[in-house]
């Protein structure tokens, strides 16, 4: 999962990961990331820290509290 609010950056990183045959879901904000994380289980998350709606740090705290 990739969490990045800048579309050009998200597209670039996702394209590179897909070229290496990774499946990539993209969230553009903190609340969207939380929703996606509740719906799916991901092997890893690439997380921007400065996100709209909910900071990357807060998203990370919530991920860790679920473990």
PDB file of N, CA and C in Angstrom:
ATOM      1  N   UNK A   1       0.844  -1.164   0.000  1.00  0.00           N
ATOM      2  CA  UNK A   1       0.000   0.000   0.000  1.00  0.00           C
ATOM      3  C   UNK A   1       0.896   1.237   0.000  1.00  0.00           C
ATOM      4  N   UNK A   2       0.509   2.204  -0.791  1.00  0.00           N
ATOM      5  CA  UNK A   2       1.218   3.482  -0.875  1.00  0.00           C
ATOM      6  C   UNK A   2       0.273   4.579  -0.402  1.00  0.00           C
ATOM      7  N   UNK A   3       0.721   5.378   0.556  1.00  0.00           N
ATOM      8  CA  UNK A   3      -0.084   6.499   1.054  1.00  0.00           C
ATOM      9  C   UNK A   3       0.689   7.773   0.751  1.00  0.00           C
ATOM     10  N   UNK A   4       0.199   8.513  -0.243  1.00  0.00           N
ATOM     11  CA  UNK A   4       0.884   9.728  -0.722  1.00  0.00           C
ATOM     12  C   UNK A   4      -0.163  10.682  -1.280  1.00  0.00           C
ATOM     13  N   UNK A   5      -0.140  11.933  -0.816  1.00  0.00           N
ATOM     14  CA  UNK A   5      -1.141  12.897  -1.252  1.00  0.00           C
ATOM     15  C   UNK A   5      -0.769  13.645  -2.529  1.00  0.00           C
ATOM     16  N   UNK A   6       0.483  13.653  -2.914  1.00  0.00           N
ATOM     17  CA  UNK A   6       0.877  14.319  -4.157  1.00  0.00           C
ATOM     18  C   UNK A   6       0.732  13.326  -5.311  1.00  0.00           C
ATOM     19  N   UNK A   7      -0.225  13.590  -6.191  1.00  0.00           N
ATOM     20  CA  UNK A   7      -0.583  12.649  -7.246  1.00  0.00           C
ATOM     21  C   UNK A   7       0.591  12.267  -8.137  1.00  0.00           C
ATOM     22  N   UNK A   8       1.406  13.226  -8.535  1.00  0.00           N
ATOM     23  CA  UNK A   8       2.541  12.916  -9.414  1.00  0.00           C
ATOM     24  C   UNK A   8       3.524  11.969  -8.730  1.00  0.00           C
ATOM     25  N   UNK A   9       3.792  12.209  -7.452  1.00  0.00           N
ATOM     26  CA  UNK A   9       4.704  11.340  -6.698  1.00  0.00           C
ATOM     27  C   UNK A   9       4.086   9.952  -6.554  1.00  0.00           C
ATOM     28  N   UNK A  10       2.809   9.896  -6.185  1.00  0.00           N
ATOM     29  CA  UNK A  10       2.124   8.611  -6.019  1.00  0.00           C
ATOM     30  C   UNK A  10       2.132   7.820  -7.330  1.00  0.00           C
ATOM     31  N   UNK A  11       1.835   8.488  -8.432  1.00  0.00           N
ATOM     32  CA  UNK A  11       1.824   7.813  -9.738  1.00  0.00           C
ATOM     33  C   UNK A  11       3.206   7.281 -10.097  1.00  0.00           C
ATOM     34  N   UNK A  12       4.237   8.078  -9.845  1.00  0.00           N
ATOM     35  CA  UNK A  12       5.610   7.682 -10.166  1.00  0.00           C
ATOM     36  C   UNK A  12       6.036   6.463  -9.350  1.00  0.00           C
ATOM     37  N   UNK A  13       5.817   6.507  -8.045  1.00  0.00           N
ATOM     38  CA  UNK A  13       6.219   5.401  -7.163  1.00  0.00           C
ATOM     39  C   UNK A  13       5.399   4.149  -7.473  1.00  0.00           C
ATOM     40  N   UNK A  14       4.090   4.311  -7.628  1.00  0.00           N
ATOM     41  CA  UNK A  14       3.236   3.160  -7.927  1.00  0.00           C
ATOM     42  C   UNK A  14       3.635   2.522  -9.263  1.00  0.00           C
ATOM     43  N   UNK A  15       3.937   3.335 -10.248  1.00  0.00           N
ATOM     44  CA  UNK A  15       4.352   2.821 -11.562  1.00  0.00           C
ATOM     45  C   UNK A  15       5.639   1.991 -11.434  1.00  0.00           C
ATOM     46  N   UNK A  16       6.584   2.501 -10.690  1.00  0.00           N
ATOM     47  CA  UNK A  16       7.838   1.777 -10.483  1.00  0.00           C
ATOM     48  C   UNK A  16       7.632   0.456  -9.763  1.00  0.00           C
ATOM     49  N   UNK A  17       6.782   0.464  -8.748  1.00  0.00           N
ATOM     50  CA  UNK A  17       6.506  -0.772  -8.016  1.00  0.00           C
ATOM     51  C   UNK A  17       5.766  -1.784  -8.891  1.00  0.00           C
ATOM     52  N   UNK A  18       4.811  -1.297  -9.665  1.00  0.00           N
ATOM     53  CA  UNK A  18       4.072  -2.199 -10.562  1.00  0.00           C
ATOM     54  C   UNK A  18       4.980  -2.779 -11.637  1.00  0.00           C
ATOM     55  N   UNK A  19       5.947  -1.998 -12.096  1.00  0.00           N
ATOM     56  CA  UNK A  19       6.913  -2.495 -13.083  1.00  0.00           C
ATOM     57  C   UNK A  19       7.732  -3.656 -12.517  1.00  0.00           C
ATOM     58  N   UNK A  20       7.879  -3.674 -11.198  1.00  0.00           N
ATOM     59  CA  UNK A  20       8.591  -4.770 -10.527  1.00  0.00           C
ATOM     60  C   UNK A  20       7.629  -5.875 -10.074  1.00  0.00           C
ATOM     61  N   UNK A  21       6.385  -5.800 -10.568  1.00  0.00           N
ATOM     62  CA  UNK A  21       5.350  -6.804 -10.352  1.00  0.00           C
ATOM     63  C   UNK A  21       4.768  -6.828  -8.942  1.00  0.00           C
ATOM     64  N   UNK A  22       4.798  -5.683  -8.272  1.00  0.00           N
ATOM     65  CA  UNK A  22       4.095  -5.549  -6.997  1.00  0.00           C
ATOM     66  C   UNK A  22       2.667  -5.098  -7.280  1.00  0.00           C
ATOM     67  N   UNK A  23       1.726  -5.591  -6.503  1.00  0.00           N
ATOM     68  CA  UNK A  23       0.363  -5.065  -6.536  1.00  0.00           C
ATOM     69  C   UNK A  23       0.345  -3.849  -5.625  1.00  0.00           C
ATOM     70  N   UNK A  24      -0.177  -2.728  -6.092  1.00  0.00           N
ATOM     71  CA  UNK A  24      -0.123  -1.479  -5.326  1.00  0.00           C
ATOM     72  C   UNK A  24      -1.512  -0.859  -5.238  1.00  0.00           C
ATOM     73  N   UNK A  25      -1.953  -0.596  -4.015  1.00  0.00           N
ATOM     74  CA  UNK A  25      -3.139   0.216  -3.765  1.00  0.00           C
ATOM     75  C   UNK A  25      -2.646   1.566  -3.279  1.00  0.00           C
ATOM     76  N   UNK A  26      -3.308   2.640  -3.701  1.00  0.00           N
ATOM     77  CA  UNK A  26      -2.871   3.994  -3.342  1.00  0.00           C
ATOM     78  C   UNK A  26      -3.979   4.707  -2.580  1.00  0.00           C
ATOM     79  N   UNK A  27      -3.613   5.306  -1.452  1.00  0.00           N
ATOM     80  CA  UNK A  27      -4.508   6.182  -0.694  1.00  0.00           C
ATOM     81  C   UNK A  27      -3.911   7.585  -0.730  1.00  0.00           C
ATOM     82  N   UNK A  28      -4.775   8.596  -0.848  1.00  0.00           N
ATOM     83  CA  UNK A  28      -4.306   9.974  -0.994  1.00  0.00           C
ATOM     84  C   UNK A  28      -4.383  10.779   0.291  1.00  0.00           C
ATOM     85  N   UNK A  29      -4.928  10.183   1.367  1.00  0.00           N
ATOM     86  CA  UNK A  29      -5.009  10.909   2.638  1.00  0.00           C
ATOM     87  C   UNK A  29      -5.065   9.921   3.800  1.00  0.00           C
ATOM     88  N   UNK A  30      -4.926  10.444   5.002  1.00  0.00           N
ATOM     89  CA  UNK A  30      -4.916   9.597   6.188  1.00  0.00           C
ATOM     90  C   UNK A  30      -6.194   8.813   6.402  1.00  0.00           C
ATOM     91  N   UNK A  31      -7.368   9.461   6.352  1.00  0.00           N
ATOM     92  CA  UNK A  31      -8.609   8.711   6.544  1.00  0.00           C
ATOM     93  C   UNK A  31      -8.810   7.616   5.482  1.00  0.00           C
ATOM     94  N   UNK A  32      -8.438   7.894   4.254  1.00  0.00           N
ATOM     95  CA  UNK A  32      -8.535   6.882   3.202  1.00  0.00           C
ATOM     96  C   UNK A  32      -7.625   5.697   3.484  1.00  0.00           C
ATOM     97  N   UNK A  33      -6.438   5.976   3.992  1.00  0.00           N
ATOM     98  CA  UNK A  33      -5.507   4.901   4.345  1.00  0.00           C
ATOM     99  C   UNK A  33      -6.084   4.027   5.447  1.00  0.00           C
ATOM    100  N   UNK A  34      -6.677   4.648   6.459  1.00  0.00           N
ATOM    101  CA  UNK A  34      -7.271   3.888   7.566  1.00  0.00           C
ATOM    102  C   UNK A  34      -8.387   2.986   7.039  1.00  0.00           C
ATOM    103  N   UNK A  35      -9.229   3.504   6.149  1.00  0.00           N
ATOM    104  CA  UNK A  35     -10.313   2.701   5.559  1.00  0.00           C
ATOM    105  C   UNK A  35      -9.761   1.511   4.781  1.00  0.00           C
ATOM    106  N   UNK A  36      -8.752   1.756   3.970  1.00  0.00           N
ATOM    107  CA  UNK A  36      -8.175   0.678   3.167  1.00  0.00           C
ATOM    108  C   UNK A  36      -7.498  -0.362   4.046  1.00  0.00           C
ATOM    109  N   UNK A  37      -6.835   0.092   5.093  1.00  0.00           N
ATOM    110  CA  UNK A  37      -6.172  -0.837   6.010  1.00  0.00           C
ATOM    111  C   UNK A  37      -7.181  -1.699   6.768  1.00  0.00           C
ATOM    112  N   UNK A  38      -8.355  -1.155   7.032  1.00  0.00           N
ATOM    113  CA  UNK A  38      -9.403  -1.930   7.707  1.00  0.00           C
ATOM    114  C   UNK A  38      -9.996  -2.983   6.778  1.00  0.00           C
ATOM    115  N   UNK A  39      -9.982  -2.714   5.471  1.00  0.00           N
ATOM    116  CA  UNK A  39     -10.609  -3.608   4.502  1.00  0.00           C
ATOM    117  C   UNK A  39      -9.660  -4.700   3.984  1.00  0.00           C
ATOM    118  N   UNK A  40      -8.365  -4.418   3.956  1.00  0.00           N
ATOM    119  CA  UNK A  40      -7.393  -5.349   3.373  1.00  0.00           C
ATOM    120  C   UNK A  40      -6.185  -5.510   4.287  1.00  0.00           C
ATOM    121  N   UNK A  41      -5.515  -6.629   4.108  1.00  0.00           N
ATOM    122  CA  UNK A  41      -4.280  -6.867   4.841  1.00  0.00           C
ATOM    123  C   UNK A  41      -3.119  -6.652   3.865  1.00  0.00           C
ATOM    124  N   UNK A  42      -2.175  -5.809   4.231  1.00  0.00           N
ATOM    125  CA  UNK A  42      -1.051  -5.476   3.355  1.00  0.00           C
ATOM    126  C   UNK A  42       0.248  -6.019   3.931  1.00  0.00           C
ATOM    127  N   UNK A  43       1.144  -6.419   3.040  1.00  0.00           N
ATOM    128  CA  UNK A  43       2.462  -6.895   3.462  1.00  0.00           C
ATOM    129  C   UNK A  43       3.355  -5.750   3.903  1.00  0.00           C
ATOM    130  N   UNK A  44       3.205  -4.590   3.251  1.00  0.00           N
ATOM    131  CA  UNK A  44       3.963  -3.409   3.672  1.00  0.00           C
ATOM    132  C   UNK A  44       3.228  -2.148   3.251  1.00  0.00           C
ATOM    133  N   UNK A  45       3.565  -1.054   3.937  1.00  0.00           N
ATOM    134  CA  UNK A  45       2.951   0.246   3.675  1.00  0.00           C
ATOM    135  C   UNK A  45       4.061   1.269   3.488  1.00  0.00           C
ATOM    136  N   UNK A  46       3.996   2.005   2.399  1.00  0.00           N
ATOM    137  CA  UNK A  46       4.879   3.150   2.189  1.00  0.00           C
ATOM    138  C   UNK A  46       4.040   4.363   2.562  1.00  0.00           C
ATOM    139  N   UNK A  47       4.462   5.080   3.593  1.00  0.00           N
ATOM    140  CA  UNK A  47       3.608   6.081   4.226  1.00  0.00           C
ATOM    141  C   UNK A  47       4.265   7.455   4.263  1.00  0.00           C
ATOM    142  N   UNK A  48       3.620   8.420   3.619  1.00  0.00           N
ATOM    143  CA  UNK A  48       4.030   9.823   3.698  1.00  0.00           C
ATOM    144  C   UNK A  48       3.649  10.329   5.088  1.00  0.00           C
ATOM    145  N   UNK A  49       4.465  11.148   5.701  1.00  0.00           N
ATOM    146  CA  UNK A  49       4.157  11.647   7.043  1.00  0.00           C
ATOM    147  C   UNK A  49       3.249  12.868   7.036  1.00  0.00           C
ATOM    148  N   UNK A  50       3.333  13.678   5.986  1.00  0.00           N
ATOM    149  CA  UNK A  50       2.517  14.898   5.924  1.00  0.00           C
ATOM    150  C   UNK A  50       1.331  14.658   4.999  1.00  0.00           C
ATOM    151  N   UNK A  51       0.211  14.231   5.586  1.00  0.00           N
ATOM    152  CA  UNK A  51      -0.987  13.884   4.824  1.00  0.00           C
ATOM    153  C   UNK A  51      -2.157  14.764   5.245  1.00  0.00           C
ATOM    154  N   UNK A  52      -3.093  15.002   4.340  1.00  0.00           N
ATOM    155  CA  UNK A  52      -4.305  15.728   4.727  1.00  0.00           C
ATOM    156  C   UNK A  52      -5.250  14.819   5.518  1.00  0.00           C
ATOM    157  N   UNK A  53      -5.989  15.428   6.428  1.00  0.00           N
ATOM    158  CA  UNK A  53      -7.011  14.709   7.175  1.00  0.00           C
ATOM    159  C   UNK A  53      -6.512  14.007   8.417  1.00  0.00           C
ATOM    160  N   UNK A  54      -5.394  13.339   8.311  1.00  0.00           N
ATOM    161  CA  UNK A  54      -4.808  12.585   9.419  1.00  0.00           C
ATOM    162  C   UNK A  54      -3.339  12.391   9.074  1.00  0.00           C
ATOM    163  N   UNK A  55      -2.454  12.789   9.949  1.00  0.00           N
ATOM    164  CA  UNK A  55      -1.025  12.722   9.630  1.00  0.00           C
ATOM    165  C   UNK A  55      -0.554  11.280   9.487  1.00  0.00           C
ATOM    166  N   UNK A  56       0.532  11.109   8.764  1.00  0.00           N
ATOM    167  CA  UNK A  56       1.138   9.795   8.628  1.00  0.00           C
ATOM    168  C   UNK A  56       1.543   9.209   9.964  1.00  0.00           C
ATOM    169  N   UNK A  57       1.985  10.058  10.886  1.00  0.00           N
ATOM    170  CA  UNK A  57       2.350   9.586  12.228  1.00  0.00           C
ATOM    171  C   UNK A  57       1.141   8.995  12.943  1.00  0.00           C
ATOM    172  N   UNK A  58      -0.014   9.641  12.800  1.00  0.00           N
ATOM    173  CA  UNK A  58      -1.232   9.137  13.432  1.00  0.00           C
ATOM    174  C   UNK A  58      -1.691   7.843  12.762  1.00  0.00           C
ATOM    175  N   UNK A  59      -1.577   7.766  11.448  1.00  0.00           N
ATOM    176  CA  UNK A  59      -1.908   6.522  10.743  1.00  0.00           C
ATOM    177  C   UNK A  59      -1.031   5.393  11.263  1.00  0.00           C
ATOM    178  N   UNK A  60       0.266   5.652  11.411  1.00  0.00           N
ATOM    179  CA  UNK A  60       1.195   4.642  11.909  1.00  0.00           C
ATOM    180  C   UNK A  60       0.827   4.208  13.326  1.00  0.00           C
ATOM    181  N   UNK A  61       0.478   5.151  14.189  1.00  0.00           N
ATOM    182  CA  UNK A  61       0.055   4.799  15.554  1.00  0.00           C
ATOM    183  C   UNK A  61      -1.146   3.874  15.525  1.00  0.00           C
ATOM    184  N   UNK A  62      -2.089   4.150  14.652  1.00  0.00           N
ATOM    185  CA  UNK A  62      -3.289   3.309  14.557  1.00  0.00           C
ATOM    186  C   UNK A  62      -2.958   1.923  14.007  1.00  0.00           C
ATOM    187  N   UNK A  63      -2.039   1.860  13.039  1.00  0.00           N
ATOM    188  CA  UNK A  63      -1.615   0.561  12.516  1.00  0.00           C
ATOM    189  C   UNK A  63      -1.001  -0.262  13.639  1.00  0.00           C
ATOM    190  N   UNK A  64      -0.112   0.348  14.385  1.00  0.00           N
ATOM    191  CA  UNK A  64       0.570  -0.366  15.463  1.00  0.00           C
ATOM    192  C   UNK A  64      -0.379  -0.761  16.596  1.00  0.00           C
ATOM    193  N   UNK A  65      -1.395   0.026  16.858  1.00  0.00           N
ATOM    194  CA  UNK A  65      -2.325  -0.309  17.941  1.00  0.00           C
ATOM    195  C   UNK A  65      -3.211  -1.487  17.566  1.00  0.00           C
ATOM    196  N   UNK A  66      -3.342  -1.772  16.265  1.00  0.00           N
ATOM    197  CA  UNK A  66      -4.152  -2.898  15.792  1.00  0.00           C
ATOM    198  C   UNK A  66      -3.420  -4.240  15.928  1.00  0.00           C
ATOM    199  N   UNK A  67      -2.106  -4.200  16.054  1.00  0.00           N
ATOM    200  CA  UNK A  67      -1.322  -5.453  16.100  1.00  0.00           C
ATOM    201  C   UNK A  67      -1.489  -6.172  17.398  1.00  0.00           C
TER     202      UNK A  67
END
